Amino acid sequence: MSVGHRVSTDNQLVRLLQIAVVLEEVVEVRAARHYETLSPEEREADIEDLLSEAREESADHRERLEALIDRLDAEAVPLEEVEQLVEAQYAQTAPEDFDGVLYDQLHGEETAYKFYDDLIEAIEASDATFGLDREELLATLREIREEEAEGVEEVTAVMEDRE
């Protein structure tokens, strides 16, 4: 399921929030994998810090999203289905498809940012009433989107420093 032009039901909102949770898991797992496989040349404080922060931020985002999902009275999609959706639409690249750790991390941050941007736009375009406060929902998603934007900027800054 992709983010459409508007979100009209709690069930649809839950599915989209579940996709966001899985996207965060993808970023978290990749950052952890990269962290563990850094070569001695790559073991610079800025890269290690960046990957550590990415893991922590993704874990925080997942918790915040799961708290929203728990408050909605809607039917959740089985996790395997959501993972397949994310794999098909958002995780078509593998870490080795990128020229280095930083490019992969940048891709993950940009993908998450774009997803949140589309989700916020779809919720704003909807006149539906959800099982939780619309402004609280949007505020949470905007905060997460802003943190993803900051992540893009941080990765870009590290990349520029290394040139």
N, C-alpha and C. Protein backbone atom coordinates (compact mmCIF):
# COMPACT_ATOMS: atom_id res chain seq x y z
N MET A 1 0.84 -1.18 0.00
CA MET A 1 0.00 0.00 0.00
C MET A 1 0.88 1.23 0.00
N SER A 2 0.66 2.11 -0.92
CA SER A 2 1.42 3.35 -0.93
C SER A 2 0.56 4.44 -0.31
N VAL A 3 1.21 5.53 0.01
CA VAL A 3 0.46 6.66 0.53
C VAL A 3 -0.34 7.23 -0.63
N GLY A 4 -1.63 7.27 -0.49
CA GLY A 4 -2.48 7.79 -1.55
C GLY A 4 -2.65 9.29 -1.41
N HIS A 5 -3.68 9.79 -2.06
CA HIS A 5 -3.94 11.22 -2.01
C HIS A 5 -4.55 11.64 -0.69
N ARG A 6 -5.20 10.71 0.01
CA ARG A 6 -5.76 11.03 1.31
C ARG A 6 -5.95 9.74 2.11
N VAL A 7 -5.97 9.89 3.40
CA VAL A 7 -6.18 8.77 4.32
C VAL A 7 -7.59 8.94 4.86
N SER A 8 -8.43 7.90 4.71
CA SER A 8 -9.83 8.09 5.06
C SER A 8 -10.36 7.22 6.18
N THR A 9 -9.60 6.21 6.63
CA THR A 9 -10.09 5.35 7.71
C THR A 9 -8.97 5.04 8.70
N ASP A 10 -9.37 4.63 9.89
CA ASP A 10 -8.38 4.20 10.88
C ASP A 10 -7.59 2.99 10.38
N ASN A 11 -8.28 2.06 9.70
CA ASN A 11 -7.57 0.88 9.18
C ASN A 11 -6.48 1.29 8.19
N GLN A 12 -6.79 2.21 7.31
CA GLN A 12 -5.80 2.68 6.34
C GLN A 12 -4.67 3.40 7.07
N LEU A 13 -5.00 4.21 8.06
CA LEU A 13 -3.97 4.91 8.83
C LEU A 13 -3.07 3.93 9.56
N VAL A 14 -3.64 2.90 10.16
CA VAL A 14 -2.83 1.89 10.86
C VAL A 14 -1.87 1.22 9.89
N ARG A 15 -2.34 0.85 8.72
CA ARG A 15 -1.46 0.20 7.73
C ARG A 15 -0.29 1.11 7.35
N LEU A 16 -0.58 2.39 7.16
CA LEU A 16 0.48 3.33 6.79
C LEU A 16 1.45 3.55 7.95
N LEU A 17 0.94 3.60 9.16
CA LEU A 17 1.83 3.73 10.32
C LEU A 17 2.67 2.46 10.49
N GLN A 18 2.08 1.29 10.18
CA GLN A 18 2.85 0.06 10.23
C GLN A 18 3.98 0.07 9.20
N ILE A 19 3.70 0.60 8.03
CA ILE A 19 4.75 0.72 7.01
C ILE A 19 5.87 1.61 7.54
N ALA A 20 5.50 2.70 8.19
CA ALA A 20 6.51 3.59 8.77
C ALA A 20 7.35 2.86 9.81
N VAL A 21 6.72 2.03 10.63
CA VAL A 21 7.45 1.25 11.64
C VAL A 21 8.48 0.35 10.96
N VAL A 22 8.06 -0.34 9.90
CA VAL A 22 8.98 -1.24 9.21
C VAL A 22 10.09 -0.45 8.52
N LEU A 23 9.77 0.71 7.94
CA LEU A 23 10.82 1.55 7.35
C LEU A 23 11.86 1.93 8.40
N GLU A 24 11.39 2.26 9.58
CA GLU A 24 12.31 2.60 10.67
C GLU A 24 13.17 1.39 11.04
N GLU A 25 12.56 0.21 11.05
CA GLU A 25 13.33 -1.01 11.34
C GLU A 25 14.41 -1.24 10.29
N VAL A 26 14.09 -0.98 9.03
CA VAL A 26 15.07 -1.14 7.96
C VAL A 26 16.26 -0.21 8.19
N VAL A 27 15.98 1.06 8.48
CA VAL A 27 17.06 2.02 8.73
C VAL A 27 17.88 1.60 9.94
N GLU A 28 17.21 1.15 10.99
CA GLU A 28 17.89 0.75 12.22
C GLU A 28 18.79 -0.47 11.99
N VAL A 29 18.26 -1.46 11.30
CA VAL A 29 19.03 -2.68 11.04
C VAL A 29 20.23 -2.39 10.14
N ARG A 30 20.01 -1.59 9.12
CA ARG A 30 21.13 -1.27 8.22
C ARG A 30 22.20 -0.46 8.95
N ALA A 31 21.80 0.49 9.77
CA ALA A 31 22.78 1.27 10.52
C ALA A 31 23.58 0.37 11.46
N ALA A 32 22.89 -0.57 12.11
CA ALA A 32 23.59 -1.50 13.01
C ALA A 32 24.55 -2.39 12.23
N ARG A 33 24.11 -2.87 11.09
CA ARG A 33 24.96 -3.73 10.26
C ARG A 33 26.18 -2.96 9.78
N HIS A 34 25.97 -1.75 9.33
CA HIS A 34 27.10 -0.92 8.88
C HIS A 34 28.07 -0.65 10.03
N TYR A 35 27.52 -0.36 11.18
CA TYR A 35 28.34 -0.06 12.35
C TYR A 35 29.27 -1.23 12.68
N GLU A 36 28.70 -2.44 12.61
CA GLU A 36 29.46 -3.64 12.93
C GLU A 36 30.51 -3.99 11.88
N THR A 37 30.30 -3.54 10.65
CA THR A 37 31.19 -3.94 9.56
C THR A 37 32.12 -2.82 9.09
N LEU A 38 32.20 -1.74 9.85
CA LEU A 38 33.10 -0.65 9.46
C LEU A 38 34.54 -1.15 9.41
N SER A 39 35.21 -0.77 8.35
CA SER A 39 36.63 -1.10 8.25
C SER A 39 37.42 -0.15 9.14
N PRO A 40 38.68 -0.48 9.45
CA PRO A 40 39.48 0.42 10.28
C PRO A 40 39.57 1.83 9.70
N GLU A 41 39.61 1.95 8.38
CA GLU A 41 39.67 3.28 7.75
C GLU A 41 38.38 4.06 7.96
N GLU A 42 37.25 3.34 8.04
CA GLU A 42 35.95 3.98 8.20
C GLU A 42 35.61 4.26 9.66
N ARG A 43 36.38 3.71 10.56
CA ARG A 43 36.07 3.85 11.98
C ARG A 43 36.48 5.23 12.49
N GLU A 44 35.84 6.20 11.93
CA GLU A 44 36.05 7.57 12.37
C GLU A 44 34.88 7.94 13.27
N ALA A 45 35.14 8.81 14.21
CA ALA A 45 34.13 9.17 15.20
C ALA A 45 32.85 9.69 14.55
N ASP A 46 32.98 10.50 13.50
CA ASP A 46 31.78 11.07 12.90
C ASP A 46 30.87 10.01 12.29
N ILE A 47 31.45 9.00 11.65
CA ILE A 47 30.64 7.93 11.05
C ILE A 47 30.05 7.04 12.14
N GLU A 48 30.86 6.68 13.12
CA GLU A 48 30.33 5.85 14.21
C GLU A 48 29.20 6.57 14.94
N ASP A 49 29.39 7.86 15.22
CA ASP A 49 28.35 8.63 15.89
C ASP A 49 27.09 8.71 15.05
N LEU A 50 27.26 8.94 13.77
CA LEU A 50 26.12 9.06 12.86
C LEU A 50 25.30 7.77 12.86
N LEU A 51 25.97 6.64 12.75
CA LEU A 51 25.26 5.35 12.71
C LEU A 51 24.61 5.04 14.06
N SER A 52 25.28 5.37 15.13
CA SER A 52 24.72 5.14 16.46
C SER A 52 23.47 6.00 16.66
N GLU A 53 23.55 7.26 16.26
CA GLU A 53 22.40 8.15 16.38
C GLU A 53 21.25 7.67 15.50
N ALA A 54 21.55 7.19 14.31
CA ALA A 54 20.51 6.70 13.40
C ALA A 54 19.76 5.52 14.04
N ARG A 55 20.50 4.61 14.66
CA ARG A 55 19.86 3.46 15.31
C ARG A 55 18.96 3.92 16.44
N GLU A 56 19.46 4.82 17.28
CA GLU A 56 18.68 5.30 18.42
C GLU A 56 17.44 6.07 17.96
N GLU A 57 17.61 6.91 16.95
CA GLU A 57 16.49 7.70 16.44
C GLU A 57 15.43 6.80 15.84
N SER A 58 15.83 5.81 15.07
CA SER A 58 14.86 4.89 14.46
C SER A 58 14.10 4.12 15.53
N ALA A 59 14.78 3.70 16.58
CA ALA A 59 14.11 2.99 17.67
C ALA A 59 13.09 3.91 18.34
N ASP A 60 13.46 5.16 18.56
CA ASP A 60 12.53 6.13 19.15
C ASP A 60 11.32 6.34 18.24
N HIS A 61 11.56 6.49 16.95
CA HIS A 61 10.46 6.68 16.00
C HIS A 61 9.52 5.49 16.01
N ARG A 62 10.07 4.29 16.03
CA ARG A 62 9.23 3.08 16.07
C ARG A 62 8.33 3.09 17.30
N GLU A 63 8.91 3.42 18.44
CA GLU A 63 8.12 3.44 19.69
C GLU A 63 7.00 4.46 19.61
N ARG A 64 7.28 5.63 19.07
CA ARG A 64 6.26 6.67 18.96
C ARG A 64 5.16 6.26 17.99
N LEU A 65 5.54 5.64 16.89
CA LEU A 65 4.56 5.18 15.92
C LEU A 65 3.72 4.04 16.49
N GLU A 66 4.35 3.12 17.17
CA GLU A 66 3.62 2.00 17.78
C GLU A 66 2.63 2.50 18.83
N ALA A 67 2.99 3.56 19.55
CA ALA A 67 2.07 4.13 20.54
C ALA A 67 0.83 4.70 19.85
N LEU A 68 1.02 5.32 18.69
CA LEU A 68 -0.13 5.82 17.92
C LEU A 68 -1.01 4.65 17.45
N ILE A 69 -0.37 3.62 16.92
CA ILE A 69 -1.11 2.45 16.43
C ILE A 69 -1.92 1.82 17.55
N ASP A 70 -1.32 1.70 18.73
CA ASP A 70 -2.00 1.07 19.87
C ASP A 70 -3.26 1.84 20.28
N ARG A 71 -3.29 3.13 20.03
CA ARG A 71 -4.43 3.94 20.42
C ARG A 71 -5.56 3.93 19.40
N LEU A 72 -5.30 3.39 18.23
CA LEU A 72 -6.34 3.32 17.20
C LEU A 72 -7.10 2.01 17.31
N ASP A 73 -8.40 2.09 17.18
CA ASP A 73 -9.23 0.89 17.20
C ASP A 73 -9.39 0.42 15.76
N ALA A 74 -8.34 -0.23 15.28
CA ALA A 74 -8.34 -0.67 13.88
C ALA A 74 -7.62 -2.00 13.78
N GLU A 75 -7.90 -2.66 12.70
CA GLU A 75 -7.30 -3.97 12.46
C GLU A 75 -5.91 -3.81 11.87
N ALA A 76 -4.94 -4.38 12.55
CA ALA A 76 -3.57 -4.32 12.06
C ALA A 76 -3.36 -5.39 10.99
N VAL A 77 -2.47 -5.09 10.10
CA VAL A 77 -2.10 -6.03 9.04
C VAL A 77 -1.00 -6.92 9.61
N PRO A 78 -1.00 -8.21 9.28
CA PRO A 78 0.09 -9.07 9.76
C PRO A 78 1.45 -8.49 9.36
N LEU A 79 2.40 -8.55 10.28
CA LEU A 79 3.71 -7.96 10.08
C LEU A 79 4.38 -8.45 8.79
N GLU A 80 4.20 -9.72 8.47
CA GLU A 80 4.82 -10.26 7.25
C GLU A 80 4.32 -9.53 6.00
N GLU A 81 3.02 -9.21 5.99
CA GLU A 81 2.45 -8.48 4.85
C GLU A 81 3.05 -7.09 4.74
N VAL A 82 3.18 -6.42 5.87
CA VAL A 82 3.73 -5.06 5.88
C VAL A 82 5.19 -5.10 5.42
N GLU A 83 5.93 -6.07 5.91
CA GLU A 83 7.34 -6.19 5.50
C GLU A 83 7.45 -6.40 3.99
N GLN A 84 6.54 -7.19 3.43
CA GLN A 84 6.54 -7.41 1.98
C GLN A 84 6.22 -6.12 1.23
N LEU A 85 5.27 -5.34 1.75
CA LEU A 85 4.94 -4.07 1.13
C LEU A 85 6.15 -3.13 1.14
N VAL A 86 6.81 -3.05 2.27
CA VAL A 86 7.98 -2.18 2.38
C VAL A 86 9.07 -2.66 1.45
N GLU A 87 9.30 -3.95 1.43
CA GLU A 87 10.33 -4.51 0.56
C GLU A 87 10.04 -4.18 -0.91
N ALA A 88 8.78 -4.32 -1.30
CA ALA A 88 8.41 -4.09 -2.69
C ALA A 88 8.47 -2.62 -3.09
N GLN A 89 8.12 -1.72 -2.16
CA GLN A 89 8.01 -0.32 -2.55
C GLN A 89 9.12 0.58 -2.06
N TYR A 90 9.73 0.25 -0.92
CA TYR A 90 10.65 1.20 -0.33
C TYR A 90 12.05 0.65 -0.08
N ALA A 91 12.22 -0.65 -0.12
CA ALA A 91 13.52 -1.23 0.22
C ALA A 91 14.02 -2.09 -0.93
N GLN A 92 13.93 -1.56 -2.12
CA GLN A 92 14.33 -2.34 -3.29
C GLN A 92 15.84 -2.36 -3.48
N THR A 93 16.53 -1.62 -2.69
CA THR A 93 17.99 -1.60 -2.79
C THR A 93 18.58 -2.27 -1.57
N ALA A 94 19.71 -2.88 -1.77
CA ALA A 94 20.44 -3.51 -0.67
C ALA A 94 21.60 -2.60 -0.29
N PRO A 95 22.13 -2.74 0.92
CA PRO A 95 23.24 -1.89 1.32
C PRO A 95 24.40 -1.91 0.33
N GLU A 96 24.65 -3.06 -0.25
CA GLU A 96 25.77 -3.17 -1.19
C GLU A 96 25.50 -2.50 -2.53
N ASP A 97 24.27 -2.02 -2.74
CA ASP A 97 23.94 -1.31 -3.97
C ASP A 97 24.51 0.12 -3.97
N PHE A 98 25.00 0.55 -2.84
CA PHE A 98 25.50 1.91 -2.71
C PHE A 98 27.00 1.92 -2.57
N ASP A 99 27.58 3.02 -2.96
CA ASP A 99 29.02 3.19 -2.86
C ASP A 99 29.36 3.66 -1.45
N GLY A 100 29.27 2.75 -0.53
CA GLY A 100 29.67 3.06 0.84
C GLY A 100 28.52 3.22 1.81
N VAL A 101 28.91 3.20 3.06
CA VAL A 101 28.00 3.28 4.18
C VAL A 101 27.17 4.56 4.15
N LEU A 102 27.84 5.67 3.88
CA LEU A 102 27.15 6.96 3.95
C LEU A 102 26.07 7.10 2.88
N TYR A 103 26.33 6.60 1.69
CA TYR A 103 25.30 6.67 0.64
C TYR A 103 24.09 5.82 0.99
N ASP A 104 24.31 4.67 1.57
CA ASP A 104 23.19 3.82 1.99
C ASP A 104 22.41 4.50 3.10
N GLN A 105 23.12 5.08 4.06
CA GLN A 105 22.45 5.77 5.16
C GLN A 105 21.64 6.96 4.64
N LEU A 106 22.21 7.69 3.71
CA LEU A 106 21.51 8.82 3.11
C LEU A 106 20.24 8.36 2.41
N HIS A 107 20.32 7.27 1.68
CA HIS A 107 19.16 6.72 0.99
C HIS A 107 18.05 6.38 2.00
N GLY A 108 18.41 5.73 3.09
CA GLY A 108 17.41 5.36 4.10
C GLY A 108 16.75 6.57 4.73
N GLU A 109 17.54 7.57 5.06
CA GLU A 109 17.00 8.80 5.66
C GLU A 109 16.08 9.53 4.68
N GLU A 110 16.50 9.62 3.42
CA GLU A 110 15.69 10.30 2.41
C GLU A 110 14.39 9.55 2.15
N THR A 111 14.44 8.23 2.11
CA THR A 111 13.25 7.42 1.88
C THR A 111 12.24 7.64 3.01
N ALA A 112 12.73 7.60 4.25
CA ALA A 112 11.85 7.81 5.40
C ALA A 112 11.25 9.22 5.37
N TYR A 113 12.09 10.22 5.10
CA TYR A 113 11.60 11.60 5.04
C TYR A 113 10.48 11.72 4.01
N LYS A 114 10.69 11.19 2.82
CA LYS A 114 9.70 11.28 1.75
C LYS A 114 8.40 10.57 2.14
N PHE A 115 8.52 9.40 2.77
CA PHE A 115 7.33 8.68 3.20
C PHE A 115 6.52 9.52 4.19
N TYR A 116 7.20 10.08 5.20
CA TYR A 116 6.49 10.90 6.19
C TYR A 116 5.87 12.14 5.54
N ASP A 117 6.59 12.74 4.61
CA ASP A 117 6.08 13.91 3.91
C ASP A 117 4.79 13.55 3.16
N ASP A 118 4.80 12.43 2.45
CA ASP A 118 3.60 11.97 1.72
C ASP A 118 2.46 11.62 2.67
N LEU A 119 2.79 10.97 3.78
CA LEU A 119 1.77 10.58 4.76
C LEU A 119 1.11 11.81 5.37
N ILE A 120 1.89 12.78 5.74
CA ILE A 120 1.34 14.02 6.31
C ILE A 120 0.43 14.71 5.29
N GLU A 121 0.88 14.78 4.07
CA GLU A 121 0.09 15.41 3.00
C GLU A 121 -1.24 14.66 2.82
N ALA A 122 -1.21 13.34 2.85
CA ALA A 122 -2.43 12.54 2.68
C ALA A 122 -3.40 12.73 3.84
N ILE A 123 -2.87 12.85 5.04
CA ILE A 123 -3.74 13.08 6.21
C ILE A 123 -4.33 14.48 6.14
N GLU A 124 -3.51 15.45 5.78
CA GLU A 124 -4.01 16.82 5.67
C GLU A 124 -5.07 16.96 4.59
N ALA A 125 -4.98 16.17 3.53
CA ALA A 125 -5.95 16.23 2.43
C ALA A 125 -7.27 15.54 2.79
N SER A 126 -7.26 14.80 3.87
CA SER A 126 -8.44 14.03 4.27
C SER A 126 -9.30 14.83 5.25
N ASP A 127 -10.60 14.62 5.15
CA ASP A 127 -11.51 15.23 6.13
C ASP A 127 -12.06 14.17 7.09
N ALA A 128 -11.41 13.02 7.09
CA ALA A 128 -11.85 11.91 7.96
C ALA A 128 -11.58 12.22 9.42
N THR A 129 -12.39 11.61 10.26
CA THR A 129 -12.18 11.67 11.70
C THR A 129 -11.50 10.36 12.10
N PHE A 130 -10.38 10.48 12.79
CA PHE A 130 -9.63 9.29 13.21
C PHE A 130 -9.87 9.02 14.68
N GLY A 131 -9.46 7.85 15.11
CA GLY A 131 -9.63 7.43 16.49
C GLY A 131 -8.63 8.07 17.44
N LEU A 132 -7.85 9.02 16.97
CA LEU A 132 -6.98 9.80 17.83
C LEU A 132 -6.95 11.22 17.31
N ASP A 133 -6.52 12.12 18.12
CA ASP A 133 -6.53 13.54 17.79
C ASP A 133 -5.69 13.83 16.56
N ARG A 134 -6.30 14.44 15.55
CA ARG A 134 -5.63 14.74 14.28
C ARG A 134 -4.41 15.62 14.49
N GLU A 135 -4.53 16.65 15.30
CA GLU A 135 -3.39 17.57 15.50
C GLU A 135 -2.24 16.88 16.22
N GLU A 136 -2.55 16.02 17.17
CA GLU A 136 -1.50 15.26 17.85
C GLU A 136 -0.81 14.31 16.87
N LEU A 137 -1.60 13.63 16.05
CA LEU A 137 -1.07 12.73 15.03
C LEU A 137 -0.13 13.49 14.09
N LEU A 138 -0.63 14.60 13.56
CA LEU A 138 0.18 15.39 12.62
C LEU A 138 1.42 15.96 13.29
N ALA A 139 1.29 16.41 14.53
CA ALA A 139 2.45 16.95 15.24
C ALA A 139 3.53 15.89 15.41
N THR A 140 3.11 14.68 15.78
CA THR A 140 4.07 13.58 15.94
C THR A 140 4.75 13.27 14.61
N LEU A 141 3.97 13.15 13.55
CA LEU A 141 4.54 12.83 12.24
C LEU A 141 5.44 13.95 11.73
N ARG A 142 5.07 15.19 12.00
CA ARG A 142 5.92 16.31 11.58
C ARG A 142 7.25 16.32 12.33
N GLU A 143 7.19 16.01 13.62
CA GLU A 143 8.43 15.93 14.41
C GLU A 143 9.35 14.85 13.86
N ILE A 144 8.78 13.70 13.56
CA ILE A 144 9.58 12.60 13.02
C ILE A 144 10.14 12.99 11.66
N ARG A 145 9.30 13.59 10.82
CA ARG A 145 9.78 14.03 9.49
C ARG A 145 10.93 15.02 9.63
N GLU A 146 10.82 15.94 10.58
CA GLU A 146 11.89 16.93 10.80
C GLU A 146 13.18 16.24 11.25
N GLU A 147 13.05 15.24 12.10
CA GLU A 147 14.24 14.49 12.54
C GLU A 147 14.86 13.73 11.37
N GLU A 148 14.03 13.23 10.46
CA GLU A 148 14.57 12.57 9.26
C GLU A 148 15.30 13.59 8.38
N ALA A 149 14.73 14.79 8.26
CA ALA A 149 15.39 15.85 7.48
C ALA A 149 16.74 16.20 8.09
N GLU A 150 16.78 16.27 9.41
CA GLU A 150 18.05 16.54 10.10
C GLU A 150 19.04 15.42 9.84
N GLY A 151 18.55 14.18 9.79
CA GLY A 151 19.42 13.04 9.50
C GLY A 151 20.01 13.15 8.11
N VAL A 152 19.20 13.57 7.13
CA VAL A 152 19.70 13.77 5.77
C VAL A 152 20.81 14.83 5.78
N GLU A 153 20.57 15.92 6.50
CA GLU A 153 21.56 16.99 6.58
C GLU A 153 22.85 16.52 7.25
N GLU A 154 22.72 15.73 8.31
CA GLU A 154 23.91 15.23 9.01
C GLU A 154 24.74 14.31 8.12
N VAL A 155 24.08 13.41 7.43
CA VAL A 155 24.81 12.50 6.53
C VAL A 155 25.48 13.30 5.42
N THR A 156 24.75 14.24 4.86
CA THR A 156 25.31 15.07 3.79
C THR A 156 26.53 15.85 4.28
N ALA A 157 26.46 16.40 5.49
CA ALA A 157 27.57 17.16 6.05
C ALA A 157 28.80 16.26 6.24
N VAL A 158 28.60 15.06 6.73
CA VAL A 158 29.73 14.12 6.91
C VAL A 158 30.33 13.78 5.54
N MET A 159 29.46 13.57 4.55
CA MET A 159 29.93 13.25 3.22
C MET A 159 30.76 14.41 2.64
N GLU A 160 30.28 15.62 2.84
CA GLU A 160 31.00 16.79 2.33
C GLU A 160 32.34 16.98 3.04
N ASP A 161 32.37 16.71 4.33
CA ASP A 161 33.62 16.82 5.10
C ASP A 161 34.66 15.83 4.63
N ARG A 162 34.21 14.71 4.12
CA ARG A 162 35.14 13.65 3.69
C ARG A 162 35.67 13.86 2.27
N GLU A 163 35.07 14.80 1.53
CA GLU A 163 35.51 15.03 0.15
C GLU A 163 36.80 15.81 0.09
